[in-house]
Amino acid sequence: MNVHVDDSQLKAMLTDPQQRRKGFELMARQYSEQIYWQVRRFVLTHEDADDIVQNAFMKAWNAMDTFHGDSKVSTWLSRIAINEAIDFNRRQKNRPTLSADDADLGIANQLQADKYFDGEEAEALLQEAIARLPEAQRTVFLLRYYDEMKYSEISRITGTTEGGLKASYHIAVKKITDFFRNHD
């Protein structure tokens, strides 16, 4: 059963201790796929994305007392999930690797080896170009390009000004374009 609850009803349920569990279950059903794909664009594997999404929902449940309904439920949940994905990527960067060459070779090859990745070579190269972006540029690019979020919503998620986001997006697009020009 796929029940869609509007944001105001969901907020009311989440902020009411008597309805919180039911509201959380509805929120999880309603937003789990959206959150999965947001996270999936930040990490390389399906398994990592699943783990991060599960952690994000656990953090959301544990932070339920701090949710006051000031933003949309999807924005609040996205912020938690994206921060989890960013933290995961930071931890991965700090892990020792075999060599710098192995790390550079990996992204497109890892994606194509992933049984859940159904993209073509161009998509794998795009993901490699995105992965090379600095964190702030990668975040705004992913949310704007794939999720078609408005800068105002990305600003609420990231805590960055709209002007800063626009500049980061523009620079990210230029870097990705240059990556494709130089990758022949």
Protein backbone atom coordinates (compact mmCIF):
# COMPACT_ATOMS: atom_id res chain seq x y z
CA MET A 1 0.00 0.00 0.00
CA ASN A 2 1.54 3.29 -1.15
CA VAL A 3 0.00 6.08 0.92
CA HIS A 4 1.12 9.65 0.26
CA VAL A 5 0.67 12.11 3.09
CA ASP A 6 1.09 15.82 2.45
CA ASP A 7 3.86 17.67 4.24
CA SER A 8 1.66 19.47 6.78
CA GLN A 9 -0.02 16.21 7.87
CA LEU A 10 3.33 14.46 8.10
CA LYS A 11 4.80 17.32 10.17
CA ALA A 12 1.84 17.16 12.54
CA MET A 13 2.30 13.42 13.00
CA LEU A 14 6.06 13.67 13.52
CA THR A 15 5.75 16.39 16.15
CA ASP A 16 2.96 14.61 18.05
CA PRO A 17 4.46 11.98 20.39
CA GLN A 18 1.25 9.90 20.09
CA GLN A 19 1.50 9.71 16.27
CA ARG A 20 5.27 9.90 15.85
CA ARG A 21 5.87 6.21 15.10
CA LYS A 22 3.13 6.08 12.45
CA GLY A 23 4.36 9.37 10.98
CA PHE A 24 7.89 8.04 10.84
CA GLU A 25 6.75 4.86 9.09
CA LEU A 26 4.85 6.92 6.53
CA MET A 27 7.84 9.24 6.06
CA ALA A 28 10.14 6.25 5.51
CA ARG A 29 7.80 4.74 2.92
CA GLN A 30 7.23 8.05 1.21
CA TYR A 31 10.84 9.25 1.02
CA SER A 32 13.09 6.19 1.14
CA GLU A 33 13.49 5.90 -2.64
CA GLN A 34 14.15 9.63 -3.09
CA ILE A 35 16.70 9.61 -0.27
CA TYR A 36 18.34 6.45 -1.65
CA TRP A 37 18.94 8.07 -5.04
CA GLN A 38 20.23 11.28 -3.48
CA VAL A 39 22.71 9.26 -1.43
CA ARG A 40 23.52 6.87 -4.30
CA ARG A 41 24.86 9.75 -6.34
CA PHE A 42 27.31 10.56 -3.55
CA VAL A 43 28.71 7.04 -3.13
CA LEU A 44 29.91 4.38 -5.52
CA THR A 45 28.09 1.25 -4.48
CA HIS A 46 24.55 0.16 -3.82
CA GLU A 47 25.58 -1.46 -0.55
CA ASP A 48 27.16 1.76 0.75
CA ALA A 49 24.07 3.74 -0.26
CA ASP A 50 21.80 1.27 1.55
CA ASP A 51 23.90 1.50 4.70
CA ILE A 52 23.95 5.30 4.60
CA VAL A 53 20.19 5.52 4.05
CA GLN A 54 19.58 3.18 6.97
CA ASN A 55 21.91 5.30 9.15
CA ALA A 56 20.14 8.48 8.01
CA PHE A 57 16.73 7.12 8.97
CA MET A 58 18.08 6.00 12.34
CA LYS A 59 19.53 9.48 12.91
CA ALA A 60 16.21 11.01 11.86
CA TRP A 61 14.37 8.83 14.37
CA ASN A 62 16.83 9.73 17.13
CA ALA A 63 16.55 13.43 16.24
CA MET A 64 12.76 13.44 16.16
CA ASP A 65 12.61 15.63 19.28
CA THR A 66 14.62 18.31 17.48
CA PHE A 67 12.31 18.39 14.44
CA HIS A 68 9.99 21.34 14.84
CA GLY A 69 8.56 21.49 11.33
CA ASP A 70 10.44 24.65 10.32
CA SER A 71 11.33 23.14 6.93
CA LYS A 72 9.75 20.57 4.66
CA VAL A 73 10.10 16.99 5.89
CA SER A 74 11.94 16.05 2.69
CA THR A 75 14.43 18.91 3.19
CA TRP A 76 15.10 17.89 6.80
CA LEU A 77 15.54 14.25 5.84
CA SER A 78 17.72 15.11 2.82
CA ARG A 79 20.00 17.19 5.00
CA ILE A 80 20.53 14.27 7.38
CA ALA A 81 21.13 11.79 4.53
CA ILE A 82 23.45 14.05 2.55
CA ASN A 83 25.49 14.81 5.65
CA GLU A 84 25.76 11.06 6.27
CA ALA A 85 26.97 10.53 2.68
CA ILE A 86 29.50 13.36 2.97
CA ASP A 87 30.78 11.95 6.27
CA PHE A 88 31.05 8.50 4.68
CA ASN A 89 33.08 9.92 1.78
CA ARG A 90 35.39 11.75 4.20
CA ARG A 91 35.99 8.52 6.10
CA GLN A 92 36.71 6.70 2.83
CA LYS A 93 39.29 9.32 1.81
CA ASN A 94 41.10 8.83 5.11
CA ARG A 95 41.36 5.07 4.60
CA PRO A 96 44.70 3.91 3.22
CA THR A 97 44.62 2.81 -0.42
CA LEU A 98 47.06 0.75 -2.44
CA SER A 99 48.29 3.72 -4.44
CA ALA A 100 47.17 7.03 -5.90
CA ASP A 101 47.05 5.43 -9.36
CA ASP A 102 44.62 2.77 -8.13
CA ALA A 103 42.35 5.47 -6.71
CA ASP A 104 42.34 7.42 -10.00
CA LEU A 105 41.61 4.34 -12.09
CA GLY A 106 38.81 3.20 -9.92
CA ILE A 107 35.63 5.20 -10.20
CA ALA A 108 34.46 4.37 -13.73
CA ASN A 109 35.69 0.77 -13.41
CA GLN A 110 34.09 0.32 -9.98
CA LEU A 111 30.79 1.63 -11.26
CA GLN A 112 30.78 -0.67 -14.27
CA ALA A 113 31.66 -3.64 -12.04
CA ASP A 114 28.74 -2.83 -9.71
CA LYS A 115 25.86 -5.16 -10.60
CA TYR A 116 23.39 -2.40 -9.67
CA PHE A 117 24.94 0.15 -12.05
CA ASP A 118 23.11 0.08 -15.35
CA GLY A 119 24.68 3.14 -16.95
CA GLU A 120 26.72 3.39 -20.06
CA GLU A 121 30.33 4.45 -20.35
CA ALA A 122 29.32 8.12 -20.65
CA GLU A 123 27.41 7.91 -17.36
CA ALA A 124 30.38 6.23 -15.68
CA LEU A 125 32.66 9.01 -16.95
CA LEU A 126 30.20 11.64 -15.71
CA GLN A 127 30.25 10.00 -12.28
CA GLU A 128 34.05 10.02 -12.37
CA ALA A 129 34.07 13.73 -13.26
CA ILE A 130 31.60 14.45 -10.45
CA ALA A 131 33.68 12.45 -7.96
CA ARG A 132 36.71 14.63 -8.76
CA LEU A 133 34.87 17.80 -7.74
CA PRO A 134 35.49 19.34 -4.34
CA GLU A 135 32.80 18.41 -1.83
CA ALA A 136 30.84 21.70 -1.97
CA GLN A 137 30.75 21.74 -5.77
CA ARG A 138 29.83 18.06 -5.94
CA THR A 139 26.98 18.52 -3.46
CA VAL A 140 25.37 21.46 -5.26
CA PHE A 141 25.86 19.81 -8.66
CA LEU A 142 24.23 16.55 -7.59
CA LEU A 143 21.24 18.22 -5.95
CA ARG A 144 20.69 20.73 -8.75
CA TYR A 145 21.40 18.49 -11.76
CA TYR A 146 19.80 15.22 -10.69
CA ASP A 147 17.17 16.31 -8.18
CA GLU A 148 16.43 19.63 -9.91
CA MET A 149 16.30 21.35 -6.53
CA LYS A 150 15.99 25.09 -6.35
CA TYR A 151 18.96 26.96 -4.94
CA SER A 152 16.80 28.09 -2.02
CA GLU A 153 16.15 24.47 -0.98
CA ILE A 154 19.80 23.48 -1.45
CA SER A 155 20.69 26.49 0.71
CA ARG A 156 18.46 25.17 3.51
CA ILE A 157 20.05 21.72 3.23
CA THR A 158 23.68 22.84 3.06
CA GLY A 159 23.60 26.09 5.00
CA THR A 160 25.32 27.87 2.08
CA THR A 161 24.12 31.12 0.51
CA GLU A 162 22.27 30.94 -2.79
CA GLY A 163 24.95 33.11 -4.42
CA GLY A 164 27.66 30.76 -3.22
CA LEU A 165 25.71 27.78 -4.51
CA LYS A 166 25.23 29.36 -7.94
CA ALA A 167 28.96 30.07 -8.18
CA SER A 168 29.83 26.52 -7.07
CA TYR A 169 27.40 25.02 -9.59
CA HIS A 170 28.81 27.12 -12.43
CA ILE A 171 32.38 26.10 -11.55
CA ALA A 172 31.35 22.45 -11.24
CA VAL A 173 29.74 22.47 -14.70
CA LYS A 174 32.89 24.02 -16.17
CA LYS A 175 35.12 21.41 -14.52
CA ILE A 176 32.91 18.56 -15.75
CA THR A 177 32.87 20.01 -19.26
CA ASP A 178 36.67 20.32 -19.19
CA PHE A 179 36.96 16.73 -17.93
CA PHE A 180 35.00 15.46 -20.95
CA ARG A 181 36.99 17.65 -23.36
CA ASN A 182 40.26 16.28 -22.00
CA HIS A 183 39.08 12.65 -21.82
CA ASP A 184 39.56 11.31 -25.31
